[in-house]
C-alpha atoms as a PDB file:
ATOM      1  CA  UNK A   1      -0.241   0.139   0.097  1.00  0.00           C
ATOM      2  CA  UNK A   2       1.505   3.362  -0.799  1.00  0.00           C
ATOM      3  CA  UNK A   3       0.760   6.271   0.673  1.00  0.00           C
ATOM      4  CA  UNK A   4       0.047   9.420  -1.233  1.00  0.00           C
ATOM      5  CA  UNK A   5       0.080  13.344  -0.047  1.00  0.00           C
ATOM      6  CA  UNK A   6      -1.228  16.094  -2.233  1.00  0.00           C
ATOM      7  CA  UNK A   7       1.562  18.744  -2.553  1.00  0.00           C
ATOM      8  CA  UNK A   8       2.491  21.966  -4.462  1.00  0.00           C
ATOM      9  CA  UNK A   9       5.339  22.105  -5.786  1.00  0.00           C
ATOM     10  CA  UNK A  10       6.705  25.559  -5.365  1.00  0.00           C
ATOM     11  CA  UNK A  11       8.037  27.194  -9.270  1.00  0.00           C
ATOM     12  CA  UNK A  12      12.416  27.832  -8.175  1.00  0.00           C
ATOM     13  CA  UNK A  13      14.107  30.987  -7.227  1.00  0.00           C
ATOM     14  CA  UNK A  14      15.327  32.427 -10.264  1.00  0.00           C
ATOM     15  CA  UNK A  15      15.484  36.139  -9.486  1.00  0.00           C
ATOM     16  CA  UNK A  16      18.523  38.469  -9.503  1.00  0.00           C
ATOM     17  CA  UNK A  17      17.989  38.951  -5.962  1.00  0.00           C
ATOM     18  CA  UNK A  18      18.705  35.250  -5.382  1.00  0.00           C
ATOM     19  CA  UNK A  19      21.313  35.181  -7.620  1.00  0.00           C
ATOM     20  CA  UNK A  20      22.861  37.814  -6.168  1.00  0.00           C
ATOM     21  CA  UNK A  21      22.996  36.889  -2.729  1.00  0.00           C
ATOM     22  CA  UNK A  22      24.231  33.545  -3.360  1.00  0.00           C
ATOM     23  CA  UNK A  23      27.063  35.344  -5.272  1.00  0.00           C
ATOM     24  CA  UNK A  24      27.504  37.623  -1.769  1.00  0.00           C
ATOM     25  CA  UNK A  25      26.971  35.586   1.173  1.00  0.00           C
ATOM     26  CA  UNK A  26      27.234  31.717  -0.309  1.00  0.00           C
ATOM     27  CA  UNK A  27      29.898  29.380   0.372  1.00  0.00           C
ATOM     28  CA  UNK A  28      32.379  29.181  -2.008  1.00  0.00           C
ATOM     29  CA  UNK A  29      30.686  26.902  -4.435  1.00  0.00           C
ATOM     30  CA  UNK A  30      27.778  28.751  -4.547  1.00  0.00           C
ATOM     31  CA  UNK A  31      29.726  31.769  -5.208  1.00  0.00           C
ATOM     32  CA  UNK A  32      31.525  30.108  -8.238  1.00  0.00           C
ATOM     33  CA  UNK A  33      28.011  28.804  -9.774  1.00  0.00           C
ATOM     34  CA  UNK A  34      26.886  31.967  -9.483  1.00  0.00           C
ATOM     35  CA  UNK A  35      29.623  33.344 -11.445  1.00  0.00           C
ATOM     36  CA  UNK A  36      29.526  30.694 -13.896  1.00  0.00           C
ATOM     37  CA  UNK A  37      25.632  31.014 -14.634  1.00  0.00           C
ATOM     38  CA  UNK A  38      26.500  35.200 -15.243  1.00  0.00           C
ATOM     39  CA  UNK A  39      29.404  33.794 -17.559  1.00  0.00           C
ATOM     40  CA  UNK A  40      27.513  31.636 -19.506  1.00  0.00           C
ATOM     41  CA  UNK A  41      24.437  33.801 -19.874  1.00  0.00           C
ATOM     42  CA  UNK A  42      26.579  36.643 -21.162  1.00  0.00           C
ATOM     43  CA  UNK A  43      28.210  34.098 -23.506  1.00  0.00           C
ATOM     44  CA  UNK A  44      24.892  32.993 -24.875  1.00  0.00           C
ATOM     45  CA  UNK A  45      23.644  36.984 -25.326  1.00  0.00           C
ATOM     46  CA  UNK A  46      27.024  37.681 -26.974  1.00  0.00           C
ATOM     47  CA  UNK A  47      26.050  35.044 -29.937  1.00  0.00           C
ATOM     48  CA  UNK A  48      22.292  35.991 -30.215  1.00  0.00           C
ATOM     49  CA  UNK A  49      21.498  38.919 -27.694  1.00  0.00           C
ATOM     50  CA  UNK A  50      19.545  41.391 -29.605  1.00  0.00           C
ATOM     51  CA  UNK A  51      17.218  43.994 -28.836  1.00  0.00           C
ATOM     52  CA  UNK A  52      15.565  45.763 -32.074  1.00  0.00           C
ATOM     53  CA  UNK A  53      18.244  44.345 -34.156  1.00  0.00           C
ATOM     54  CA  UNK A  54      20.589  45.733 -31.488  1.00  0.00           C
ATOM     55  CA  UNK A  55      23.087  44.009 -30.067  1.00  0.00           C
ATOM     56  CA  UNK A  56      22.239  43.585 -26.158  1.00  0.00           C
ATOM     57  CA  UNK A  57      25.760  44.743 -25.113  1.00  0.00           C
ATOM     58  CA  UNK A  58      29.112  44.963 -26.535  1.00  0.00           C
ATOM     59  CA  UNK A  59      32.194  43.005 -24.755  1.00  0.00           C
ATOM     60  CA  UNK A  60      35.414  44.137 -25.253  1.00  0.00           C
ATOM     61  CA  UNK A  61      37.411  42.390 -27.663  1.00  0.00           C
ATOM     62  CA  UNK A  62      40.694  41.811 -26.004  1.00  0.00           C
ATOM     63  CA  UNK A  63      38.739  39.196 -23.458  1.00  0.00           C
ATOM     64  CA  UNK A  64      35.117  38.634 -22.440  1.00  0.00           C
ATOM     65  CA  UNK A  65      34.265  39.793 -18.737  1.00  0.00           C
ATOM     66  CA  UNK A  66      34.475  36.926 -16.294  1.00  0.00           C
ATOM     67  CA  UNK A  67      31.506  35.760 -14.063  1.00  0.00           C
ATOM     68  CA  UNK A  68      32.966  37.925 -11.205  1.00  0.00           C
ATOM     69  CA  UNK A  69      32.914  41.207 -13.605  1.00  0.00           C
ATOM     70  CA  UNK A  70      29.554  40.241 -14.651  1.00  0.00           C
ATOM     71  CA  UNK A  71      28.058  39.820 -11.004  1.00  0.00           C
ATOM     72  CA  UNK A  72      29.944  42.543 -10.113  1.00  0.00           C
ATOM     73  CA  UNK A  73      28.035  45.018 -12.532  1.00  0.00           C
ATOM     74  CA  UNK A  74      24.846  42.892 -11.133  1.00  0.00           C
ATOM     75  CA  UNK A  75      25.298  44.080  -7.445  1.00  0.00           C
ATOM     76  CA  UNK A  76      25.115  48.232  -8.269  1.00  0.00           C
ATOM     77  CA  UNK A  77      22.893  47.416 -11.564  1.00  0.00           C
ATOM     78  CA  UNK A  78      19.832  45.570  -8.265  1.00  0.00           C
ATOM     79  CA  UNK A  79      20.737  48.691  -6.061  1.00  0.00           C
ATOM     80  CA  UNK A  80      20.090  51.124  -8.023  1.00  0.00           C
ATOM     81  CA  UNK A  81      16.653  49.375  -9.775  1.00  0.00           C
ATOM     82  CA  UNK A  82      15.263  47.450  -6.716  1.00  0.00           C
ATOM     83  CA  UNK A  83      12.025  46.393  -8.687  1.00  0.00           C
ATOM     84  CA  UNK A  84      14.439  44.424 -10.613  1.00  0.00           C
ATOM     85  CA  UNK A  85      15.772  42.552  -7.888  1.00  0.00           C
ATOM     86  CA  UNK A  86      12.381  40.184  -7.714  1.00  0.00           C
ATOM     87  CA  UNK A  87      12.336  39.732 -11.783  1.00  0.00           C
ATOM     88  CA  UNK A  88      14.529  36.939 -13.494  1.00  0.00           C
ATOM     89  CA  UNK A  89      18.044  37.207 -13.128  1.00  0.00           C
ATOM     90  CA  UNK A  90      18.152  37.230 -17.410  1.00  0.00           C
ATOM     91  CA  UNK A  91      16.254  40.524 -16.880  1.00  0.00           C
ATOM     92  CA  UNK A  92      18.716  42.198 -15.007  1.00  0.00           C
ATOM     93  CA  UNK A  93      21.665  40.062 -16.302  1.00  0.00           C
ATOM     94  CA  UNK A  94      21.147  41.711 -19.351  1.00  0.00           C
ATOM     95  CA  UNK A  95      20.143  44.886 -18.433  1.00  0.00           C
ATOM     96  CA  UNK A  96      23.415  44.860 -16.000  1.00  0.00           C
ATOM     97  CA  UNK A  97      25.393  43.778 -19.000  1.00  0.00           C
ATOM     98  CA  UNK A  98      24.653  46.797 -20.881  1.00  0.00           C
ATOM     99  CA  UNK A  99      25.188  49.205 -18.774  1.00  0.00           C
ATOM    100  CA  UNK A 100      28.043  48.237 -17.982  1.00  0.00           C
ATOM    101  CA  UNK A 101      29.278  47.317 -21.439  1.00  0.00           C
ATOM    102  CA  UNK A 102      27.121  49.948 -23.465  1.00  0.00           C
ATOM    103  CA  UNK A 103      27.709  49.529 -27.105  1.00  0.00           C
ATOM    104  CA  UNK A 104      28.718  52.533 -28.641  1.00  0.00           C
ATOM    105  CA  UNK A 105      27.536  53.720 -32.544  1.00  0.00           C
ATOM    106  CA  UNK A 106      29.737  53.773 -35.150  1.00  0.00           C
END
């Protein structure tokens, strides 16, 4: 005989604040994971991240930003835009990348 209980699964917390808190206050493994997530997100955005045909951000050609640099850009963005803290980290990362690495019109 199997017992079952009805439960409700909560959606995962993928907010910008959760990623930022993991980076700021997490153990070294969580800090590294946050940096890997940020770096992978930025890498994907560099390949295909556009809004209305324009690149979301323009990384320096000498070296792509590191996970630590990206998380360091996210930190002041969330502080300056507290409404972004509860949005998905993708929203906040793309906005902070755009602010930290703007594309200069040619």
